[in-house]
Amino acid sequence: GNCVLISTRPYPCGDHAGDEVVFTAEYGGHTYKFILVHTKLNPEYSPGDTLGPGVPIGRIQEYEETYTCSTGKHLHLELVYDGTKVNPQDVMTNDPSSGGFGCNTTPCP
């Protein structure tokens, strides 16, 4: 109930980099800002909306939608944790007692 969609805009990289979706959340006394690039926002949402758990906020764009700044379909994820840009993989896998989510994930090869 505290996850808020901040903005969506074309990502500033060439003519066809796709879109950027930004949302924030509070969890365990920490602030998280998620920046998803090459992501098309679900048209049901607009900036200022509160996002619930497990809702699909968008889709990863196809290569044809992002080809000047992309080598193929993928998600570019940035994470700002308590005001500092961090490695998203670290926060996803770290224990919740240290501000992480405790997810069982592995980095891409």
N, C-alpha and C. Protein backbone atom coordinates (compact mmCIF):
# COMPACT_ATOMS: atom_id res chain seq x y z
N GLY A 1 0.79 -1.21 0.00
CA GLY A 1 0.00 0.00 0.00
C GLY A 1 0.83 1.27 0.00
N ASN A 2 2.17 1.15 0.02
CA ASN A 2 3.00 2.36 0.02
C ASN A 2 3.91 2.42 -1.20
N CYS A 3 3.57 1.71 -2.22
CA CYS A 3 4.34 1.72 -3.47
C CYS A 3 3.63 2.69 -4.42
N VAL A 4 4.33 3.72 -4.85
CA VAL A 4 3.71 4.77 -5.65
C VAL A 4 4.43 4.93 -6.98
N LEU A 5 3.67 4.96 -8.06
CA LEU A 5 4.20 5.21 -9.39
C LEU A 5 4.57 6.68 -9.49
N ILE A 6 5.84 6.96 -9.75
CA ILE A 6 6.34 8.33 -9.79
C ILE A 6 6.26 8.92 -11.20
N SER A 7 6.77 8.17 -12.19
CA SER A 7 6.80 8.73 -13.54
C SER A 7 6.94 7.64 -14.59
N THR A 8 6.62 8.03 -15.79
CA THR A 8 6.90 7.22 -16.97
C THR A 8 7.22 8.20 -18.09
N ARG A 9 8.21 7.86 -18.89
CA ARG A 9 8.63 8.76 -19.97
C ARG A 9 9.47 7.97 -20.96
N PRO A 10 9.67 8.53 -22.15
CA PRO A 10 10.63 7.91 -23.06
C PRO A 10 12.02 7.98 -22.44
N TYR A 11 12.77 6.90 -22.52
CA TYR A 11 14.11 6.88 -21.95
C TYR A 11 15.06 7.68 -22.85
N PRO A 12 15.86 8.59 -22.28
CA PRO A 12 16.69 9.47 -23.09
C PRO A 12 17.96 8.80 -23.63
N CYS A 13 17.81 8.08 -24.72
CA CYS A 13 18.96 7.42 -25.35
C CYS A 13 18.60 7.15 -26.81
N GLY A 14 18.99 8.03 -27.72
CA GLY A 14 18.67 7.82 -29.12
C GLY A 14 17.19 8.02 -29.39
N ASP A 15 16.75 7.48 -30.51
CA ASP A 15 15.35 7.68 -30.93
C ASP A 15 14.41 6.58 -30.46
N HIS A 16 14.93 5.39 -30.18
CA HIS A 16 14.04 4.26 -29.89
C HIS A 16 14.56 3.44 -28.71
N ALA A 17 14.75 4.07 -27.57
CA ALA A 17 15.25 3.34 -26.41
C ALA A 17 14.13 2.74 -25.58
N GLY A 18 12.91 3.06 -25.93
CA GLY A 18 11.79 2.58 -25.16
C GLY A 18 11.47 3.53 -24.02
N ASP A 19 10.77 3.03 -23.04
CA ASP A 19 10.28 3.85 -21.95
C ASP A 19 10.95 3.51 -20.63
N GLU A 20 10.80 4.42 -19.70
CA GLU A 20 11.31 4.27 -18.34
C GLU A 20 10.11 4.40 -17.39
N VAL A 21 10.01 3.50 -16.43
CA VAL A 21 8.97 3.54 -15.40
C VAL A 21 9.67 3.64 -14.05
N VAL A 22 9.25 4.60 -13.22
CA VAL A 22 9.87 4.81 -11.91
C VAL A 22 8.79 4.72 -10.84
N PHE A 23 9.08 3.93 -9.79
CA PHE A 23 8.18 3.89 -8.65
C PHE A 23 9.00 3.80 -7.36
N THR A 24 8.38 4.20 -6.26
CA THR A 24 9.04 4.17 -4.96
C THR A 24 8.24 3.30 -4.01
N ALA A 25 8.91 2.83 -2.96
CA ALA A 25 8.26 2.04 -1.93
C ALA A 25 9.00 2.23 -0.61
N GLU A 26 8.28 2.05 0.47
CA GLU A 26 8.85 2.04 1.82
C GLU A 26 8.70 0.61 2.33
N TYR A 27 9.77 0.09 2.94
CA TYR A 27 9.71 -1.27 3.46
C TYR A 27 10.73 -1.40 4.58
N GLY A 28 10.28 -1.84 5.73
CA GLY A 28 11.20 -2.07 6.85
C GLY A 28 11.98 -0.84 7.26
N GLY A 29 11.39 0.34 7.12
CA GLY A 29 12.09 1.57 7.48
C GLY A 29 13.05 2.08 6.43
N HIS A 30 13.04 1.48 5.25
CA HIS A 30 13.93 1.89 4.16
C HIS A 30 13.12 2.41 2.98
N THR A 31 13.73 3.26 2.18
CA THR A 31 13.10 3.79 0.98
C THR A 31 13.77 3.19 -0.25
N TYR A 32 12.97 2.74 -1.18
CA TYR A 32 13.44 2.12 -2.42
C TYR A 32 12.87 2.89 -3.60
N LYS A 33 13.72 3.18 -4.56
CA LYS A 33 13.28 3.79 -5.81
C LYS A 33 13.70 2.84 -6.93
N PHE A 34 12.72 2.33 -7.65
CA PHE A 34 12.97 1.39 -8.74
C PHE A 34 12.84 2.11 -10.07
N ILE A 35 13.83 1.93 -10.93
CA ILE A 35 13.83 2.53 -12.26
C ILE A 35 13.91 1.37 -13.26
N LEU A 36 12.84 1.18 -14.01
CA LEU A 36 12.76 0.10 -14.99
C LEU A 36 12.84 0.71 -16.38
N VAL A 37 13.86 0.34 -17.14
CA VAL A 37 14.05 0.89 -18.47
C VAL A 37 13.73 -0.19 -19.50
N HIS A 38 13.25 0.23 -20.64
CA HIS A 38 12.76 -0.64 -21.72
C HIS A 38 11.46 -1.31 -21.27
N THR A 39 10.65 -0.54 -20.53
CA THR A 39 9.41 -1.04 -19.96
C THR A 39 8.24 -0.16 -20.37
N LYS A 40 7.21 -0.76 -20.90
CA LYS A 40 5.99 -0.04 -21.27
C LYS A 40 5.00 -0.16 -20.11
N LEU A 41 4.57 0.97 -19.57
CA LEU A 41 3.66 1.01 -18.44
C LEU A 41 2.30 0.44 -18.82
N ASN A 42 1.73 -0.35 -17.92
CA ASN A 42 0.36 -0.84 -18.08
C ASN A 42 -0.56 0.38 -18.18
N PRO A 43 -1.41 0.47 -19.22
CA PRO A 43 -2.24 1.67 -19.40
C PRO A 43 -3.26 1.90 -18.29
N GLU A 44 -3.44 0.94 -17.39
CA GLU A 44 -4.35 1.12 -16.26
C GLU A 44 -3.78 2.10 -15.23
N TYR A 45 -2.48 2.38 -15.29
CA TYR A 45 -1.82 3.19 -14.27
C TYR A 45 -1.30 4.50 -14.83
N SER A 46 -1.19 5.47 -13.92
CA SER A 46 -0.58 6.75 -14.28
C SER A 46 0.16 7.28 -13.05
N PRO A 47 1.10 8.19 -13.25
CA PRO A 47 1.87 8.72 -12.12
C PRO A 47 0.96 9.21 -10.99
N GLY A 48 1.38 8.84 -9.76
CA GLY A 48 0.61 9.18 -8.57
C GLY A 48 -0.21 8.01 -8.05
N ASP A 49 -0.42 6.99 -8.89
CA ASP A 49 -1.19 5.81 -8.47
C ASP A 49 -0.41 4.98 -7.46
N THR A 50 -1.13 4.39 -6.52
CA THR A 50 -0.56 3.45 -5.58
C THR A 50 -0.64 2.06 -6.20
N LEU A 51 0.45 1.32 -6.13
CA LEU A 51 0.51 -0.01 -6.72
C LEU A 51 0.41 -1.06 -5.62
N GLY A 52 -0.41 -2.06 -5.84
CA GLY A 52 -0.56 -3.14 -4.88
C GLY A 52 0.43 -4.25 -5.15
N PRO A 53 0.56 -5.19 -4.21
CA PRO A 53 1.51 -6.30 -4.39
C PRO A 53 1.08 -7.22 -5.52
N GLY A 54 2.06 -7.62 -6.31
CA GLY A 54 1.83 -8.60 -7.36
C GLY A 54 1.10 -8.11 -8.60
N VAL A 55 0.89 -6.81 -8.74
CA VAL A 55 0.20 -6.30 -9.92
C VAL A 55 1.19 -6.09 -11.06
N PRO A 56 0.81 -6.45 -12.27
CA PRO A 56 1.71 -6.22 -13.41
C PRO A 56 1.69 -4.73 -13.79
N ILE A 57 2.80 -4.05 -13.54
CA ILE A 57 2.82 -2.61 -13.81
C ILE A 57 3.19 -2.29 -15.26
N GLY A 58 3.67 -3.28 -15.98
CA GLY A 58 4.03 -3.05 -17.36
C GLY A 58 4.59 -4.30 -18.00
N ARG A 59 5.18 -4.09 -19.15
CA ARG A 59 5.80 -5.20 -19.88
C ARG A 59 7.15 -4.76 -20.41
N ILE A 60 8.05 -5.71 -20.56
CA ILE A 60 9.34 -5.43 -21.18
C ILE A 60 9.09 -5.24 -22.67
N GLN A 61 9.65 -4.16 -23.20
CA GLN A 61 9.41 -3.83 -24.60
C GLN A 61 10.18 -4.75 -25.54
N GLU A 62 9.62 -4.92 -26.72
CA GLU A 62 10.25 -5.73 -27.76
C GLU A 62 11.45 -4.98 -28.34
N TYR A 63 12.37 -5.72 -28.92
CA TYR A 63 13.57 -5.13 -29.52
C TYR A 63 13.21 -4.02 -30.51
N GLU A 64 12.18 -4.21 -31.29
CA GLU A 64 11.78 -3.23 -32.30
C GLU A 64 11.39 -1.89 -31.67
N GLU A 65 11.02 -1.92 -30.39
CA GLU A 65 10.64 -0.69 -29.69
C GLU A 65 11.83 0.01 -29.03
N THR A 66 12.98 -0.66 -28.98
CA THR A 66 14.12 -0.12 -28.21
C THR A 66 15.45 -0.21 -28.96
N TYR A 67 15.45 -0.42 -30.24
CA TYR A 67 16.66 -0.85 -30.94
C TYR A 67 17.85 0.10 -30.94
N THR A 68 17.70 1.39 -30.70
CA THR A 68 18.90 2.23 -30.74
C THR A 68 19.73 2.12 -29.46
N CYS A 69 19.16 1.64 -28.38
CA CYS A 69 19.90 1.52 -27.12
C CYS A 69 19.76 0.12 -26.54
N SER A 70 19.61 -0.86 -27.39
CA SER A 70 19.40 -2.20 -26.88
C SER A 70 19.94 -3.21 -27.87
N THR A 71 20.41 -4.32 -27.36
CA THR A 71 20.87 -5.41 -28.23
C THR A 71 19.88 -6.55 -28.25
N GLY A 72 18.75 -6.38 -27.59
CA GLY A 72 17.72 -7.40 -27.55
C GLY A 72 16.77 -7.13 -26.40
N LYS A 73 15.70 -7.88 -26.35
CA LYS A 73 14.68 -7.69 -25.32
C LYS A 73 15.28 -7.99 -23.94
N HIS A 74 15.18 -7.01 -23.04
CA HIS A 74 15.69 -7.20 -21.68
C HIS A 74 15.15 -6.09 -20.78
N LEU A 75 15.30 -6.28 -19.49
CA LEU A 75 14.94 -5.27 -18.51
C LEU A 75 16.21 -4.64 -17.97
N HIS A 76 16.27 -3.35 -17.99
CA HIS A 76 17.36 -2.60 -17.36
C HIS A 76 16.79 -2.10 -16.04
N LEU A 77 17.30 -2.59 -14.92
CA LEU A 77 16.79 -2.24 -13.60
C LEU A 77 17.83 -1.47 -12.82
N GLU A 78 17.43 -0.32 -12.31
CA GLU A 78 18.26 0.46 -11.40
C GLU A 78 17.52 0.54 -10.08
N LEU A 79 18.27 0.61 -8.99
CA LEU A 79 17.67 0.68 -7.66
C LEU A 79 18.40 1.70 -6.81
N VAL A 80 17.64 2.60 -6.21
CA VAL A 80 18.19 3.58 -5.28
C VAL A 80 17.64 3.19 -3.91
N TYR A 81 18.55 2.87 -2.99
CA TYR A 81 18.21 2.40 -1.66
C TYR A 81 18.60 3.46 -0.64
N ASP A 82 17.62 4.00 0.05
CA ASP A 82 17.87 5.08 1.03
C ASP A 82 18.73 6.19 0.43
N GLY A 83 18.44 6.55 -0.82
CA GLY A 83 19.12 7.66 -1.47
C GLY A 83 20.42 7.34 -2.17
N THR A 84 20.85 6.07 -2.15
CA THR A 84 22.11 5.68 -2.78
C THR A 84 21.85 4.63 -3.85
N LYS A 85 22.40 4.86 -5.04
CA LYS A 85 22.26 3.87 -6.11
C LYS A 85 23.04 2.62 -5.75
N VAL A 86 22.40 1.45 -5.81
CA VAL A 86 23.01 0.18 -5.41
C VAL A 86 22.77 -0.88 -6.48
N ASN A 87 23.46 -2.00 -6.33
CA ASN A 87 23.27 -3.14 -7.22
C ASN A 87 21.93 -3.81 -6.85
N PRO A 88 20.96 -3.84 -7.76
CA PRO A 88 19.66 -4.44 -7.44
C PRO A 88 19.76 -5.90 -6.99
N GLN A 89 20.71 -6.64 -7.55
CA GLN A 89 20.88 -8.05 -7.18
C GLN A 89 21.18 -8.19 -5.69
N ASP A 90 22.00 -7.28 -5.16
CA ASP A 90 22.34 -7.33 -3.74
C ASP A 90 21.09 -7.14 -2.88
N VAL A 91 20.28 -6.15 -3.21
CA VAL A 91 19.09 -5.87 -2.40
C VAL A 91 18.08 -7.01 -2.53
N MET A 92 17.93 -7.56 -3.71
CA MET A 92 16.97 -8.66 -3.88
C MET A 92 17.36 -9.88 -3.07
N THR A 93 18.66 -10.15 -2.95
CA THR A 93 19.09 -11.38 -2.29
C THR A 93 19.49 -11.21 -0.83
N ASN A 94 19.78 -9.97 -0.39
CA ASN A 94 20.18 -9.76 1.00
C ASN A 94 19.04 -10.09 1.96
N ASP A 95 19.41 -10.44 3.18
CA ASP A 95 18.44 -10.75 4.22
C ASP A 95 17.60 -9.52 4.55
N PRO A 96 16.30 -9.70 4.82
CA PRO A 96 15.45 -8.56 5.18
C PRO A 96 15.95 -7.77 6.39
N SER A 97 16.68 -8.39 7.29
CA SER A 97 17.20 -7.67 8.46
C SER A 97 18.21 -6.60 8.06
N SER A 98 18.78 -6.73 6.85
CA SER A 98 19.73 -5.72 6.38
C SER A 98 19.16 -4.90 5.22
N GLY A 99 17.82 -4.88 5.09
CA GLY A 99 17.17 -4.06 4.07
C GLY A 99 16.92 -4.77 2.76
N GLY A 100 17.26 -6.05 2.67
CA GLY A 100 17.02 -6.80 1.44
C GLY A 100 15.66 -7.46 1.43
N PHE A 101 15.39 -8.18 0.34
CA PHE A 101 14.11 -8.87 0.19
C PHE A 101 14.22 -10.38 0.39
N GLY A 102 15.43 -10.91 0.48
CA GLY A 102 15.62 -12.34 0.72
C GLY A 102 15.15 -13.24 -0.39
N CYS A 103 15.17 -12.74 -1.62
CA CYS A 103 14.73 -13.55 -2.77
C CYS A 103 15.83 -14.55 -3.16
N ASN A 104 15.41 -15.67 -3.65
CA ASN A 104 16.35 -16.69 -4.14
C ASN A 104 16.52 -16.47 -5.64
N THR A 105 17.42 -15.57 -6.01
CA THR A 105 17.67 -15.28 -7.42
C THR A 105 19.14 -15.48 -7.74
N THR A 106 19.42 -15.61 -9.00
CA THR A 106 20.81 -15.69 -9.47
C THR A 106 21.00 -14.67 -10.57
N PRO A 107 22.20 -14.10 -10.69
CA PRO A 107 22.43 -13.13 -11.77
C PRO A 107 22.44 -13.83 -13.12
N CYS A 108 22.17 -13.05 -14.14
CA CYS A 108 22.21 -13.60 -15.49
C CYS A 108 23.65 -13.96 -15.85
N PRO A 109 23.85 -14.98 -16.69
CA PRO A 109 25.20 -15.35 -17.09
C PRO A 109 25.83 -14.31 -17.98
